[in-house]
Amino acid sequence: MNTSIEERLVDTLKTVGDTLGPEDVPSLELGRAHGGRSLFARPMLIVAAAAASVAVAVGGVAVVRGEGPLVERPLARPSGTHQVQVFLCRKTSSNPTCRHRNATQQQRSEVRRAITSMEGVEKVEYESLQDAWERFNDRFAGSAAKVDAKVGDIPDSFRVMTRTASDARKVRENALGRDGVDQVVIL
C-alpha cells in the first residue's frame, strides 16, 4: 500500500475517533411519530447516509489497477482540506436541543456567520433540503434505502472546508450546542 495513502487513512481514522463519543449518539426511540409513520425509518435513513459518508471518508482514495503503475483518484475532497458537515435542526430531529422544530432563518444566518468568521475555514456552502435530497438520491440510486426518502427527510446543512484537521475539530466544537444545530460530522 502507498505510504501517503496509509498516512491519510490513519489520520482520517484518528479524526473520526476523536470526534465521536457516546454523547453524540442520540437515544433510540421506537414507536410511531405523528401521522403514523414509524420513528425507526428516519434513524435508519441517517445511519445509511452516515455509513456512506464514513465509507467515503475512510476510503478517501480509490486505487485503480491498470496496465501501468497504481493510480490514485480522489473521491471526496481536494487534498489538504478537511470537510465538516453541520446538520441543522428539523422537526423530526431526535436531538433534544432542537425541540422538534426546524432551524429558523435567523439561526441559519448566525451559524453561517459564526463558522465563516473562524480562522482556518476556507469555504462554507449551504445545502438546502432539496439539494440534500437530490444528493442522497444520486448517491443511493438503485438502493432500497432511498425508497422512503423524500424532500425534508435529509436535513439542510452547511458543508465547511477547513485547512487542517485541527481547524475541523474547532468548527465542530464551535457549532455543537448552537441554536438550530442538530449534528456536526467531520468527514
N, C-alpha and C. Protein backbone atom coordinates (compact mmCIF):
# COMPACT_ATOMS: atom_id res chain seq x y z
N MET A 1 0.85 -1.18 0.00
CA MET A 1 0.00 0.00 0.00
C MET A 1 0.89 1.24 0.00
N ASN A 2 0.46 2.26 -0.68
CA ASN A 2 1.20 3.51 -0.78
C ASN A 2 1.28 4.16 0.60
N THR A 3 2.46 4.65 0.98
CA THR A 3 2.68 5.24 2.30
C THR A 3 1.79 6.45 2.52
N SER A 4 1.64 7.32 1.52
CA SER A 4 0.80 8.51 1.71
C SER A 4 -0.67 8.12 1.91
N ILE A 5 -1.11 7.06 1.27
CA ILE A 5 -2.48 6.59 1.48
C ILE A 5 -2.64 6.07 2.90
N GLU A 6 -1.64 5.32 3.36
CA GLU A 6 -1.69 4.81 4.74
C GLU A 6 -1.74 5.96 5.74
N GLU A 7 -0.93 6.98 5.51
CA GLU A 7 -0.90 8.12 6.43
C GLU A 7 -2.25 8.84 6.45
N ARG A 8 -2.84 9.03 5.27
CA ARG A 8 -4.14 9.69 5.22
C ARG A 8 -5.22 8.84 5.89
N LEU A 9 -5.15 7.54 5.69
CA LEU A 9 -6.12 6.65 6.31
C LEU A 9 -6.00 6.69 7.83
N VAL A 10 -4.77 6.63 8.34
CA VAL A 10 -4.54 6.70 9.78
C VAL A 10 -5.05 8.03 10.33
N ASP A 11 -4.75 9.14 9.64
CA ASP A 11 -5.19 10.46 10.07
C ASP A 11 -6.71 10.55 10.08
N THR A 12 -7.35 10.01 9.05
CA THR A 12 -8.82 10.03 8.97
C THR A 12 -9.43 9.23 10.11
N LEU A 13 -8.89 8.05 10.37
CA LEU A 13 -9.42 7.21 11.45
C LEU A 13 -9.24 7.89 12.81
N LYS A 14 -8.10 8.54 13.02
CA LYS A 14 -7.88 9.27 14.27
C LYS A 14 -8.89 10.41 14.40
N THR A 15 -9.11 11.13 13.31
CA THR A 15 -10.04 12.25 13.32
C THR A 15 -11.45 11.77 13.66
N VAL A 16 -11.89 10.70 13.01
CA VAL A 16 -13.22 10.17 13.29
C VAL A 16 -13.31 9.70 14.74
N GLY A 17 -12.26 9.03 15.22
CA GLY A 17 -12.25 8.57 16.60
C GLY A 17 -12.28 9.70 17.60
N ASP A 18 -11.66 10.83 17.26
CA ASP A 18 -11.62 11.99 18.14
C ASP A 18 -12.93 12.77 18.15
N THR A 19 -13.76 12.58 17.13
CA THR A 19 -14.94 13.43 17.00
C THR A 19 -16.22 12.79 17.51
N LEU A 20 -16.27 11.49 17.62
CA LEU A 20 -17.50 10.83 18.04
C LEU A 20 -17.36 10.27 19.45
N GLY A 21 -18.34 10.50 20.25
CA GLY A 21 -18.38 9.96 21.59
C GLY A 21 -19.79 9.50 21.90
N PRO A 22 -19.97 8.81 23.03
CA PRO A 22 -21.30 8.31 23.39
C PRO A 22 -22.35 9.43 23.46
N GLU A 23 -21.92 10.63 23.86
CA GLU A 23 -22.87 11.73 23.97
C GLU A 23 -23.36 12.22 22.62
N ASP A 24 -22.68 11.85 21.53
CA ASP A 24 -23.07 12.27 20.19
C ASP A 24 -24.14 11.38 19.58
N VAL A 25 -24.37 10.23 20.16
CA VAL A 25 -25.33 9.27 19.60
C VAL A 25 -26.65 9.44 20.34
N PRO A 26 -27.71 9.88 19.65
CA PRO A 26 -28.99 10.08 20.32
C PRO A 26 -29.61 8.75 20.73
N SER A 27 -30.43 8.81 21.77
CA SER A 27 -31.10 7.60 22.21
C SER A 27 -32.13 7.19 21.15
N LEU A 28 -32.34 5.90 21.02
CA LEU A 28 -33.26 5.37 20.02
C LEU A 28 -34.65 5.29 20.64
N GLU A 29 -35.60 5.98 20.03
CA GLU A 29 -36.97 5.95 20.50
C GLU A 29 -37.82 5.26 19.44
N LEU A 30 -38.20 4.04 19.70
CA LEU A 30 -39.02 3.29 18.74
C LEU A 30 -40.49 3.60 18.99
N GLY A 31 -41.25 3.57 17.98
CA GLY A 31 -42.67 3.84 18.11
C GLY A 31 -43.18 4.53 16.87
N ARG A 32 -44.22 5.29 17.04
CA ARG A 32 -44.83 5.98 15.91
C ARG A 32 -44.75 7.48 16.12
N ALA A 33 -44.44 8.16 15.06
CA ALA A 33 -44.44 9.63 15.08
C ALA A 33 -45.84 10.11 14.76
N HIS A 34 -46.02 11.41 14.77
CA HIS A 34 -47.32 11.96 14.38
C HIS A 34 -47.60 11.55 12.95
N GLY A 35 -48.80 11.15 12.68
CA GLY A 35 -49.17 10.74 11.33
C GLY A 35 -48.97 9.25 11.11
N GLY A 36 -48.54 8.50 12.12
CA GLY A 36 -48.43 7.06 11.99
C GLY A 36 -47.16 6.55 11.35
N ARG A 37 -46.27 7.43 10.94
CA ARG A 37 -45.02 6.99 10.31
C ARG A 37 -44.07 6.48 11.39
N SER A 38 -43.42 5.38 11.12
CA SER A 38 -42.51 4.78 12.09
C SER A 38 -41.34 5.70 12.37
N LEU A 39 -41.01 5.86 13.66
CA LEU A 39 -39.83 6.64 14.03
C LEU A 39 -38.56 5.90 13.67
N PHE A 40 -38.66 4.62 13.39
CA PHE A 40 -37.49 3.82 13.05
C PHE A 40 -36.97 4.14 11.66
N ALA A 41 -37.83 4.64 10.76
CA ALA A 41 -37.44 4.90 9.37
C ALA A 41 -36.38 5.99 9.27
N ARG A 42 -36.54 7.10 9.98
CA ARG A 42 -35.59 8.21 9.88
C ARG A 42 -34.22 7.84 10.44
N PRO A 43 -34.13 7.25 11.65
CA PRO A 43 -32.79 6.88 12.12
C PRO A 43 -32.08 5.91 11.17
N MET A 44 -32.81 5.00 10.55
CA MET A 44 -32.18 4.07 9.61
C MET A 44 -31.68 4.82 8.39
N LEU A 45 -32.42 5.83 7.97
CA LEU A 45 -32.01 6.65 6.83
C LEU A 45 -30.73 7.41 7.18
N ILE A 46 -30.68 7.95 8.38
CA ILE A 46 -29.48 8.67 8.82
C ILE A 46 -28.31 7.71 8.95
N VAL A 47 -28.55 6.52 9.47
CA VAL A 47 -27.48 5.52 9.60
C VAL A 47 -26.92 5.17 8.22
N ALA A 48 -27.81 5.01 7.24
CA ALA A 48 -27.35 4.68 5.88
C ALA A 48 -26.52 5.82 5.31
N ALA A 49 -26.97 7.06 5.50
CA ALA A 49 -26.22 8.22 4.99
C ALA A 49 -24.89 8.36 5.72
N ALA A 50 -24.90 8.15 7.05
CA ALA A 50 -23.66 8.25 7.82
C ALA A 50 -22.68 7.15 7.41
N ALA A 51 -23.18 5.94 7.18
CA ALA A 51 -22.30 4.84 6.76
C ALA A 51 -21.65 5.16 5.42
N ALA A 52 -22.42 5.73 4.51
CA ALA A 52 -21.86 6.10 3.21
C ALA A 52 -20.81 7.19 3.37
N SER A 53 -21.09 8.18 4.22
CA SER A 53 -20.13 9.26 4.45
C SER A 53 -18.84 8.73 5.07
N VAL A 54 -18.97 7.82 6.04
CA VAL A 54 -17.78 7.24 6.66
C VAL A 54 -16.99 6.42 5.65
N ALA A 55 -17.71 5.69 4.79
CA ALA A 55 -17.02 4.89 3.77
C ALA A 55 -16.22 5.78 2.84
N VAL A 56 -16.80 6.91 2.46
CA VAL A 56 -16.08 7.85 1.59
C VAL A 56 -14.89 8.45 2.34
N ALA A 57 -15.11 8.83 3.61
CA ALA A 57 -14.03 9.45 4.38
C ALA A 57 -12.90 8.48 4.63
N VAL A 58 -13.23 7.23 4.98
CA VAL A 58 -12.20 6.24 5.27
C VAL A 58 -11.51 5.80 3.98
N GLY A 59 -12.30 5.62 2.93
CA GLY A 59 -11.71 5.23 1.64
C GLY A 59 -10.80 6.32 1.13
N GLY A 60 -11.35 7.53 1.06
CA GLY A 60 -10.55 8.69 0.70
C GLY A 60 -10.00 8.67 -0.71
N VAL A 61 -9.43 7.57 -1.09
CA VAL A 61 -8.79 7.47 -2.40
C VAL A 61 -9.08 6.08 -2.96
N ALA A 62 -9.54 6.03 -4.19
CA ALA A 62 -9.74 4.73 -4.84
C ALA A 62 -8.46 4.38 -5.57
N VAL A 63 -8.00 3.18 -5.37
CA VAL A 63 -6.80 2.74 -6.06
C VAL A 63 -7.24 1.83 -7.19
N VAL A 64 -6.95 2.26 -8.39
CA VAL A 64 -7.36 1.53 -9.58
C VAL A 64 -6.13 0.90 -10.21
N ARG A 65 -6.16 -0.39 -10.42
CA ARG A 65 -5.02 -1.08 -11.00
C ARG A 65 -5.22 -1.16 -12.51
N GLY A 66 -4.33 -0.52 -13.24
CA GLY A 66 -4.38 -0.56 -14.69
C GLY A 66 -3.16 -1.31 -15.21
N GLU A 67 -2.81 -1.07 -16.45
CA GLU A 67 -1.65 -1.74 -17.01
C GLU A 67 -0.36 -1.11 -16.52
N GLY A 68 -0.41 0.13 -16.13
CA GLY A 68 0.77 0.83 -15.64
C GLY A 68 0.82 0.78 -14.12
N PRO A 69 1.42 1.79 -13.52
CA PRO A 69 1.51 1.85 -12.06
C PRO A 69 0.15 2.15 -11.44
N LEU A 70 0.08 2.08 -10.10
CA LEU A 70 -1.16 2.40 -9.40
C LEU A 70 -1.51 3.86 -9.62
N VAL A 71 -2.80 4.12 -9.77
CA VAL A 71 -3.28 5.48 -10.00
C VAL A 71 -4.18 5.85 -8.83
N GLU A 72 -3.94 7.02 -8.23
CA GLU A 72 -4.78 7.50 -7.14
C GLU A 72 -5.83 8.44 -7.72
N ARG A 73 -7.07 8.23 -7.25
CA ARG A 73 -8.16 9.08 -7.73
C ARG A 73 -8.95 9.56 -6.51
N PRO A 74 -8.93 10.85 -6.18
CA PRO A 74 -9.66 11.33 -5.01
C PRO A 74 -11.16 11.16 -5.18
N LEU A 75 -11.83 10.80 -4.07
CA LEU A 75 -13.27 10.60 -4.11
C LEU A 75 -14.05 11.74 -3.47
N ALA A 76 -13.54 12.31 -2.40
CA ALA A 76 -14.38 13.18 -1.61
C ALA A 76 -13.99 14.66 -1.64
N ARG A 77 -12.73 14.98 -1.52
CA ARG A 77 -12.35 16.38 -1.36
C ARG A 77 -10.94 16.61 -1.88
N PRO A 78 -10.60 17.85 -2.14
CA PRO A 78 -9.24 18.15 -2.58
C PRO A 78 -8.24 17.82 -1.48
N SER A 79 -7.06 17.39 -1.87
CA SER A 79 -6.02 17.06 -0.92
C SER A 79 -5.66 18.28 -0.09
N GLY A 80 -5.42 18.06 1.20
CA GLY A 80 -5.02 19.15 2.07
C GLY A 80 -6.18 19.90 2.69
N THR A 81 -7.42 19.50 2.41
CA THR A 81 -8.57 20.14 3.05
C THR A 81 -9.33 19.12 3.87
N HIS A 82 -10.09 19.61 4.81
CA HIS A 82 -10.88 18.76 5.69
C HIS A 82 -12.31 19.28 5.66
N GLN A 83 -13.27 18.37 5.60
CA GLN A 83 -14.66 18.78 5.46
C GLN A 83 -15.44 18.48 6.73
N VAL A 84 -16.28 19.43 7.11
CA VAL A 84 -17.18 19.30 8.25
C VAL A 84 -18.58 19.55 7.72
N GLN A 85 -19.52 18.74 8.15
CA GLN A 85 -20.91 18.97 7.76
C GLN A 85 -21.71 19.29 9.01
N VAL A 86 -22.35 20.45 9.01
CA VAL A 86 -23.14 20.93 10.13
C VAL A 86 -24.61 20.78 9.75
N PHE A 87 -25.28 19.76 10.31
CA PHE A 87 -26.68 19.49 10.02
C PHE A 87 -27.56 20.37 10.90
N LEU A 88 -28.56 20.98 10.30
CA LEU A 88 -29.45 21.88 11.02
C LEU A 88 -30.68 21.13 11.54
N CYS A 89 -31.31 21.71 12.55
CA CYS A 89 -32.47 21.07 13.20
C CYS A 89 -33.65 20.95 12.24
N ARG A 90 -34.38 19.85 12.38
CA ARG A 90 -35.63 19.59 11.68
C ARG A 90 -36.67 19.20 12.74
N LYS A 91 -37.93 19.29 12.39
CA LYS A 91 -38.98 18.87 13.32
C LYS A 91 -38.80 17.42 13.74
N THR A 92 -38.21 16.63 12.85
CA THR A 92 -38.04 15.20 13.12
C THR A 92 -36.72 14.87 13.82
N SER A 93 -35.91 15.89 14.14
CA SER A 93 -34.61 15.65 14.79
C SER A 93 -34.82 15.01 16.16
N SER A 94 -33.98 14.03 16.47
CA SER A 94 -34.07 13.38 17.78
C SER A 94 -33.23 14.10 18.83
N ASN A 95 -32.43 15.07 18.42
CA ASN A 95 -31.61 15.85 19.35
C ASN A 95 -32.54 16.71 20.21
N PRO A 96 -32.49 16.54 21.55
CA PRO A 96 -33.41 17.30 22.41
C PRO A 96 -33.25 18.81 22.31
N THR A 97 -32.06 19.30 21.95
CA THR A 97 -31.86 20.75 21.85
C THR A 97 -32.63 21.35 20.67
N CYS A 98 -33.04 20.52 19.72
CA CYS A 98 -33.83 21.02 18.57
C CYS A 98 -35.29 21.25 18.94
N ARG A 99 -35.76 20.61 20.01
CA ARG A 99 -37.13 20.75 20.50
C ARG A 99 -38.17 20.52 19.40
N HIS A 100 -37.88 19.58 18.49
CA HIS A 100 -38.79 19.20 17.40
C HIS A 100 -39.23 20.41 16.58
N ARG A 101 -38.27 21.31 16.32
CA ARG A 101 -38.52 22.49 15.49
C ARG A 101 -37.47 22.57 14.39
N ASN A 102 -37.86 23.12 13.25
CA ASN A 102 -36.91 23.40 12.18
C ASN A 102 -36.04 24.59 12.58
N ALA A 103 -34.81 24.60 12.11
CA ALA A 103 -33.94 25.77 12.33
C ALA A 103 -34.56 26.97 11.62
N THR A 104 -34.52 28.11 12.27
CA THR A 104 -35.07 29.33 11.67
C THR A 104 -34.04 29.97 10.75
N GLN A 105 -34.50 30.90 9.92
CA GLN A 105 -33.59 31.63 9.04
C GLN A 105 -32.55 32.39 9.86
N GLN A 106 -32.96 32.96 10.98
CA GLN A 106 -32.03 33.70 11.84
C GLN A 106 -30.96 32.75 12.40
N GLN A 107 -31.37 31.56 12.84
CA GLN A 107 -30.40 30.59 13.36
C GLN A 107 -29.42 30.17 12.27
N ARG A 108 -29.93 29.92 11.05
CA ARG A 108 -29.04 29.57 9.94
C ARG A 108 -28.03 30.68 9.69
N SER A 109 -28.50 31.92 9.69
CA SER A 109 -27.60 33.06 9.45
C SER A 109 -26.54 33.17 10.54
N GLU A 110 -26.94 32.97 11.80
CA GLU A 110 -25.99 33.06 12.91
C GLU A 110 -24.96 31.93 12.85
N VAL A 111 -25.40 30.73 12.50
CA VAL A 111 -24.47 29.61 12.38
C VAL A 111 -23.48 29.89 11.26
N ARG A 112 -23.97 30.33 10.10
CA ARG A 112 -23.09 30.64 8.97
C ARG A 112 -22.08 31.72 9.36
N ARG A 113 -22.55 32.78 10.00
CA ARG A 113 -21.68 33.89 10.39
C ARG A 113 -20.59 33.40 11.36
N ALA A 114 -20.97 32.59 12.34
CA ALA A 114 -20.01 32.09 13.33
C ALA A 114 -18.95 31.22 12.67
N ILE A 115 -19.37 30.35 11.76
CA ILE A 115 -18.43 29.43 11.10
C ILE A 115 -17.54 30.19 10.13
N THR A 116 -18.12 31.07 9.34
CA THR A 116 -17.36 31.81 8.33
C THR A 116 -16.27 32.66 8.96
N SER A 117 -16.52 33.18 10.16
CA SER A 117 -15.55 34.06 10.80
C SER A 117 -14.40 33.31 11.48
N MET A 118 -14.47 31.99 11.52
CA MET A 118 -13.43 31.22 12.20
C MET A 118 -12.15 31.13 11.37
N GLU A 119 -11.03 31.19 12.07
CA GLU A 119 -9.73 31.03 11.41
C GLU A 119 -9.60 29.59 10.91
N GLY A 120 -9.06 29.42 9.73
CA GLY A 120 -8.85 28.10 9.15
C GLY A 120 -9.99 27.62 8.27
N VAL A 121 -11.10 28.36 8.24
CA VAL A 121 -12.24 28.00 7.39
C VAL A 121 -11.99 28.58 6.00
N GLU A 122 -11.97 27.70 5.00
CA GLU A 122 -11.72 28.13 3.63
C GLU A 122 -12.99 28.38 2.84
N LYS A 123 -14.03 27.59 3.12
CA LYS A 123 -15.25 27.68 2.31
C LYS A 123 -16.43 27.18 3.13
N VAL A 124 -17.57 27.85 2.99
CA VAL A 124 -18.81 27.43 3.64
C VAL A 124 -19.90 27.44 2.57
N GLU A 125 -20.55 26.29 2.38
CA GLU A 125 -21.63 26.17 1.40
C GLU A 125 -22.88 25.69 2.11
N TYR A 126 -24.02 26.32 1.81
CA TYR A 126 -25.30 25.88 2.35
C TYR A 126 -25.90 24.84 1.41
N GLU A 127 -26.38 23.73 1.97
CA GLU A 127 -27.06 22.70 1.19
C GLU A 127 -28.51 22.67 1.65
N SER A 128 -29.42 23.07 0.77
CA SER A 128 -30.85 23.14 1.10
C SER A 128 -31.44 21.74 1.24
N LEU A 129 -32.68 21.69 1.71
CA LEU A 129 -33.39 20.41 1.82
C LEU A 129 -33.48 19.73 0.45
N GLN A 130 -33.81 20.52 -0.58
CA GLN A 130 -33.92 19.98 -1.94
C GLN A 130 -32.57 19.45 -2.42
N ASP A 131 -31.50 20.24 -2.22
CA ASP A 131 -30.16 19.81 -2.65
C ASP A 131 -29.73 18.54 -1.92
N ALA A 132 -30.02 18.48 -0.60
CA ALA A 132 -29.64 17.30 0.19
C ALA A 132 -30.38 16.06 -0.32
N TRP A 133 -31.66 16.22 -0.63
CA TRP A 133 -32.45 15.09 -1.13
C TRP A 133 -31.92 14.63 -2.48
N GLU A 134 -31.58 15.58 -3.38
CA GLU A 134 -31.05 15.22 -4.70
C GLU A 134 -29.70 14.51 -4.57
N ARG A 135 -28.83 15.00 -3.68
CA ARG A 135 -27.52 14.35 -3.48
C ARG A 135 -27.72 12.94 -2.94
N PHE A 136 -28.66 12.79 -2.00
CA PHE A 136 -28.95 11.47 -1.44
C PHE A 136 -29.45 10.52 -2.53
N ASN A 137 -30.37 10.99 -3.37
CA ASN A 137 -30.89 10.16 -4.46
C ASN A 137 -29.79 9.77 -5.44
N ASP A 138 -28.90 10.71 -5.77
CA ASP A 138 -27.79 10.40 -6.68
C ASP A 138 -26.86 9.36 -6.06
N ARG A 139 -26.55 9.54 -4.78
CA ARG A 139 -25.60 8.65 -4.11
C ARG A 139 -26.17 7.25 -3.92
N PHE A 140 -27.47 7.14 -3.64
CA PHE A 140 -28.07 5.84 -3.36
C PHE A 140 -29.01 5.38 -4.46
N ALA A 141 -28.76 5.79 -5.68
CA ALA A 141 -29.59 5.36 -6.81
C ALA A 141 -29.64 3.84 -6.86
N GLY A 142 -30.83 3.30 -6.95
CA GLY A 142 -30.99 1.85 -7.03
C GLY A 142 -30.97 1.15 -5.68
N SER A 143 -30.82 1.88 -4.59
CA SER A 143 -30.75 1.29 -3.26
C SER A 143 -32.13 1.28 -2.62
N ALA A 144 -32.42 0.25 -1.85
CA ALA A 144 -33.70 0.17 -1.15
C ALA A 144 -33.80 1.24 -0.06
N ALA A 145 -32.67 1.74 0.43
CA ALA A 145 -32.66 2.74 1.50
C ALA A 145 -33.35 4.03 1.08
N LYS A 146 -33.33 4.37 -0.19
CA LYS A 146 -33.89 5.65 -0.62
C LYS A 146 -35.37 5.57 -0.97
N VAL A 147 -35.96 4.40 -0.94
CA VAL A 147 -37.35 4.24 -1.35
C VAL A 147 -38.27 5.16 -0.55
N ASP A 148 -38.08 5.23 0.75
CA ASP A 148 -38.95 6.04 1.60
C ASP A 148 -38.48 7.48 1.74
N ALA A 149 -37.34 7.84 1.19
CA ALA A 149 -36.80 9.19 1.37
C ALA A 149 -37.56 10.19 0.52
N LYS A 150 -37.87 11.32 1.14
CA LYS A 150 -38.49 12.41 0.40
C LYS A 150 -37.86 13.72 0.87
N VAL A 151 -38.14 14.79 0.13
CA VAL A 151 -37.58 16.09 0.49
C VAL A 151 -37.98 16.40 1.94
N GLY A 152 -36.99 16.77 2.74
CA GLY A 152 -37.22 17.06 4.16
C GLY A 152 -36.73 15.96 5.07
N ASP A 153 -36.57 14.73 4.55
CA ASP A 153 -36.03 13.64 5.37
C ASP A 153 -34.54 13.83 5.63
N ILE A 154 -33.84 14.39 4.66
CA ILE A 154 -32.41 14.67 4.82
C ILE A 154 -32.32 16.14 5.21
N PRO A 155 -31.72 16.46 6.36
CA PRO A 155 -31.71 17.85 6.81
C PRO A 155 -30.83 18.75 5.95
N ASP A 156 -31.18 20.04 5.96
CA ASP A 156 -30.30 21.01 5.31
C ASP A 156 -29.05 21.15 6.17
N SER A 157 -27.98 21.65 5.57
CA SER A 157 -26.71 21.68 6.29
C SER A 157 -25.76 22.70 5.69
N PHE A 158 -24.67 22.91 6.41
CA PHE A 158 -23.55 23.68 5.88
C PHE A 158 -22.41 22.70 5.67
N ARG A 159 -21.79 22.77 4.49
CA ARG A 159 -20.58 22.00 4.20
C ARG A 159 -19.43 22.97 4.36
N VAL A 160 -18.53 22.66 5.28
CA VAL A 160 -17.44 23.56 5.63
C VAL A 160 -16.11 22.91 5.27
N MET A 161 -15.28 23.62 4.52
CA MET A 161 -13.94 23.15 4.18
C MET A 161 -12.95 23.90 5.06
N THR A 162 -12.06 23.15 5.73
CA THR A 162 -11.04 23.76 6.58
C THR A 162 -9.65 23.35 6.10
N ARG A 163 -8.64 24.09 6.56
CA ARG A 163 -7.26 23.80 6.15
C ARG A 163 -6.70 22.56 6.83
N THR A 164 -6.99 22.39 8.12
CA THR A 164 -6.38 21.29 8.88
C THR A 164 -7.44 20.52 9.65
N ALA A 165 -7.04 19.34 10.12
CA ALA A 165 -7.93 18.53 10.95
C ALA A 165 -8.24 19.26 12.26
N SER A 166 -7.26 19.98 12.77
CA SER A 166 -7.46 20.76 14.00
C SER A 166 -8.51 21.85 13.78
N ASP A 167 -8.46 22.51 12.63
CA ASP A 167 -9.48 23.53 12.30
C ASP A 167 -10.86 22.88 12.20
N ALA A 168 -10.92 21.68 11.63
CA ALA A 168 -12.20 20.97 11.51
C ALA A 168 -12.78 20.68 12.90
N ARG A 169 -11.92 20.24 13.82
CA ARG A 169 -12.38 19.96 15.20
C ARG A 169 -12.86 21.25 15.87
N LYS A 170 -12.18 22.37 15.61
CA LYS A 170 -12.60 23.65 16.19
C LYS A 170 -13.97 24.07 15.65
N VAL A 171 -14.21 23.84 14.36
CA VAL A 171 -15.52 24.14 13.78
C VAL A 171 -16.59 23.29 14.45
N ARG A 172 -16.28 22.01 14.64
CA ARG A 172 -17.23 21.10 15.29
C ARG A 172 -17.57 21.59 16.70
N GLU A 173 -16.53 21.93 17.47
CA GLU A 173 -16.74 22.40 18.84
C GLU A 173 -17.55 23.70 18.86
N ASN A 174 -17.27 24.59 17.92
CA ASN A 174 -17.97 25.87 17.85
C ASN A 174 -19.44 25.70 17.47
N ALA A 175 -19.72 24.78 16.56
CA ALA A 175 -21.09 24.61 16.06
C ALA A 175 -21.97 23.81 17.00
N LEU A 176 -21.40 22.81 17.67
CA LEU A 176 -22.21 21.97 18.57
C LEU A 176 -22.81 22.82 19.69
N GLY A 177 -24.07 22.63 19.94
CA GLY A 177 -24.74 23.36 21.01
C GLY A 177 -25.33 24.69 20.58
N ARG A 178 -25.03 25.13 19.36
CA ARG A 178 -25.62 26.38 18.87
C ARG A 178 -27.10 26.15 18.56
N ASP A 179 -27.89 27.19 18.76
CA ASP A 179 -29.31 27.10 18.41
C ASP A 179 -29.44 26.79 16.93
N GLY A 180 -30.27 25.80 16.60
CA GLY A 180 -30.52 25.43 15.21
C GLY A 180 -29.62 24.33 14.69
N VAL A 181 -28.61 23.91 15.47
CA VAL A 181 -27.69 22.86 15.01
C VAL A 181 -28.09 21.53 15.62
N ASP A 182 -28.31 20.54 14.76
CA ASP A 182 -28.67 19.19 15.20
C ASP A 182 -27.42 18.35 15.44
N GLN A 183 -26.60 18.17 14.40
CA GLN A 183 -25.41 17.33 14.49
C GLN A 183 -24.28 17.96 13.69
N VAL A 184 -23.04 17.60 14.07
CA VAL A 184 -21.87 18.05 13.32
C VAL A 184 -21.00 16.84 13.08
N VAL A 185 -20.62 16.61 11.82
CA VAL A 185 -19.83 15.44 11.45
C VAL A 185 -18.59 15.90 10.70
N ILE A 186 -17.43 15.39 11.12
CA ILE A 186 -16.19 15.64 10.38
C ILE A 186 -16.03 14.49 9.41
N LEU A 187 -15.94 14.82 8.13
CA LEU A 187 -15.84 13.78 7.09
C LEU A 187 -14.40 13.53 6.73
